[in-house]
Amino acid sequence: MRIPFASEKHANIAKQVIDVDRELQPEVVKRTLTVEGNTLVATFTTLTVRLARLTSNAFLENVDLVVRTIGEFGEDAERGAPSTSR
């Protein structure tokens, strides 16, 4: 899976955040995350198609959360200003 971000910095933030959570079944699901420019690249190896679907869905939910968090707090946090977009 290739997930584009607005910048390489945001892609690296996403990688670092998602990398902290290990797979629940590491013996049957292998995940590799890398960053290529502003793109987060996720590679999965699973034993079944069902596991691939479940793993992909969980990964995309994590990406969605990271993207929304960066959108809400990213630039303001870098400047040290409180977020006002509520």
C-alpha atoms as a PDB file:
ATOM      1  CA  MET A   1       0.000   0.000   0.000  1.00  0.00           C
ATOM      2  CA  ARG A   2       1.235   3.464  -0.823  1.00  0.00           C
ATOM      3  CA  ILE A   3      -0.188   6.383   1.187  1.00  0.00           C
ATOM      4  CA  PRO A   4       0.765   9.898   0.005  1.00  0.00           C
ATOM      5  CA  PHE A   5       1.210  12.673   2.568  1.00  0.00           C
ATOM      6  CA  ALA A   6       1.580  16.433   2.202  1.00  0.00           C
ATOM      7  CA  SER A   7       5.268  16.204   3.102  1.00  0.00           C
ATOM      8  CA  GLU A   8       8.033  13.739   3.870  1.00  0.00           C
ATOM      9  CA  LYS A   9       7.914  14.941   7.473  1.00  0.00           C
ATOM     10  CA  HIS A  10       4.249  13.924   7.777  1.00  0.00           C
ATOM     11  CA  ALA A  11       4.959  10.535   6.189  1.00  0.00           C
ATOM     12  CA  ASN A  12       7.749   9.956   8.723  1.00  0.00           C
ATOM     13  CA  ILE A  13       5.489  10.994  11.614  1.00  0.00           C
ATOM     14  CA  ALA A  14       2.883   8.483  10.435  1.00  0.00           C
ATOM     15  CA  LYS A  15       5.508   5.745  10.151  1.00  0.00           C
ATOM     16  CA  GLN A  16       6.826   6.413  13.646  1.00  0.00           C
ATOM     17  CA  VAL A  17       3.358   6.476  15.188  1.00  0.00           C
ATOM     18  CA  ILE A  18       2.114   3.326  13.440  1.00  0.00           C
ATOM     19  CA  ASP A  19       5.386   1.413  13.952  1.00  0.00           C
ATOM     20  CA  VAL A  20       4.869   1.546  17.723  1.00  0.00           C
ATOM     21  CA  ASP A  21       1.871  -0.788  17.456  1.00  0.00           C
ATOM     22  CA  ARG A  22       3.051  -4.277  16.648  1.00  0.00           C
ATOM     23  CA  GLU A  23       0.851  -6.783  14.867  1.00  0.00           C
ATOM     24  CA  LEU A  24      -1.361  -8.800  17.211  1.00  0.00           C
ATOM     25  CA  GLN A  25      -0.361 -12.054  15.502  1.00  0.00           C
ATOM     26  CA  PRO A  26       3.262 -11.531  14.437  1.00  0.00           C
ATOM     27  CA  GLU A  27       3.653 -15.200  13.545  1.00  0.00           C
ATOM     28  CA  VAL A  28       1.050 -14.913  10.759  1.00  0.00           C
ATOM     29  CA  VAL A  29       1.191 -11.208   9.790  1.00  0.00           C
ATOM     30  CA  LYS A  30       4.401  -9.449   8.783  1.00  0.00           C
ATOM     31  CA  ARG A  31       4.352  -5.685   8.250  1.00  0.00           C
ATOM     32  CA  THR A  32       7.098  -3.467   6.870  1.00  0.00           C
ATOM     33  CA  LEU A  33       6.785   0.322   6.804  1.00  0.00           C
ATOM     34  CA  THR A  34       9.107   2.591   4.838  1.00  0.00           C
ATOM     35  CA  VAL A  35       9.001   6.173   3.629  1.00  0.00           C
ATOM     36  CA  GLU A  36       9.768   7.123   0.031  1.00  0.00           C
ATOM     37  CA  GLY A  37       9.700  10.895  -0.262  1.00  0.00           C
ATOM     38  CA  ASN A  38       6.281  11.984   0.964  1.00  0.00           C
ATOM     39  CA  THR A  39       4.798   8.480   0.627  1.00  0.00           C
ATOM     40  CA  LEU A  40       4.325   5.937   3.400  1.00  0.00           C
ATOM     41  CA  VAL A  41       4.794   2.458   1.950  1.00  0.00           C
ATOM     42  CA  ALA A  42       3.303  -0.492   3.820  1.00  0.00           C
ATOM     43  CA  THR A  43       3.998  -4.071   2.823  1.00  0.00           C
ATOM     44  CA  PHE A  44       2.072  -6.936   4.407  1.00  0.00           C
ATOM     45  CA  THR A  45       2.604 -10.667   4.257  1.00  0.00           C
ATOM     46  CA  THR A  46      -0.220 -12.811   5.632  1.00  0.00           C
ATOM     47  CA  LEU A  47      -1.214 -16.463   5.543  1.00  0.00           C
ATOM     48  CA  THR A  48      -4.767 -15.899   4.293  1.00  0.00           C
ATOM     49  CA  VAL A  49      -6.752 -13.402   2.257  1.00  0.00           C
ATOM     50  CA  ARG A  50      -8.990 -12.800   5.284  1.00  0.00           C
ATOM     51  CA  LEU A  51      -5.976 -11.800   7.381  1.00  0.00           C
ATOM     52  CA  ALA A  52      -4.811  -9.500   4.588  1.00  0.00           C
ATOM     53  CA  ARG A  53      -8.212  -7.765   4.594  1.00  0.00           C
ATOM     54  CA  LEU A  54      -8.340  -7.421   8.382  1.00  0.00           C
ATOM     55  CA  THR A  55      -4.748  -6.190   8.549  1.00  0.00           C
ATOM     56  CA  SER A  56      -5.291  -3.681   5.744  1.00  0.00           C
ATOM     57  CA  ASN A  57      -8.445  -2.323   7.348  1.00  0.00           C
ATOM     58  CA  ALA A  58      -6.765  -1.886  10.730  1.00  0.00           C
ATOM     59  CA  PHE A  59      -3.772  -0.205   9.099  1.00  0.00           C
ATOM     60  CA  LEU A  60      -5.974   2.221   7.157  1.00  0.00           C
ATOM     61  CA  GLU A  61      -7.894   3.101  10.325  1.00  0.00           C
ATOM     62  CA  ASN A  62      -4.557   3.967  11.974  1.00  0.00           C
ATOM     63  CA  VAL A  63      -3.528   6.050   8.956  1.00  0.00           C
ATOM     64  CA  ASP A  64      -6.857   7.882   9.065  1.00  0.00           C
ATOM     65  CA  LEU A  65      -6.359   8.719  12.741  1.00  0.00           C
ATOM     66  CA  VAL A  66      -2.807   9.976  12.118  1.00  0.00           C
ATOM     67  CA  VAL A  67      -3.925  12.104   9.154  1.00  0.00           C
ATOM     68  CA  ARG A  68      -6.763  13.675  11.145  1.00  0.00           C
ATOM     69  CA  THR A  69      -4.448  14.330  14.102  1.00  0.00           C
ATOM     70  CA  ILE A  70      -1.819  15.968  11.888  1.00  0.00           C
ATOM     71  CA  GLY A  71      -4.573  18.034  10.266  1.00  0.00           C
ATOM     72  CA  GLU A  72      -5.892  19.163  13.622  1.00  0.00           C
ATOM     73  CA  PHE A  73      -2.656  19.766  15.521  1.00  0.00           C
ATOM     74  CA  GLY A  74       0.292  19.472  13.113  1.00  0.00           C
ATOM     75  CA  GLU A  75       1.080  23.019  12.045  1.00  0.00           C
ATOM     76  CA  ASP A  76      -0.128  24.624  15.272  1.00  0.00           C
ATOM     77  CA  ALA A  77       1.963  22.223  17.362  1.00  0.00           C
ATOM     78  CA  GLU A  78       5.056  23.031  15.287  1.00  0.00           C
ATOM     79  CA  ARG A  79       4.520  26.765  15.851  1.00  0.00           C
ATOM     80  CA  GLY A  80       3.656  26.254  19.507  1.00  0.00           C
ATOM     81  CA  ALA A  81       0.247  27.886  19.062  1.00  0.00           C
ATOM     82  CA  PRO A  82      -3.033  26.448  20.308  1.00  0.00           C
ATOM     83  CA  SER A  83      -5.357  24.960  17.702  1.00  0.00           C
ATOM     84  CA  THR A  84      -8.301  27.209  16.831  1.00  0.00           C
ATOM     85  CA  SER A  85     -10.069  25.103  14.184  1.00  0.00           C
ATOM     86  CA  ARG A  86     -12.922  23.837  16.339  1.00  0.00           C
END
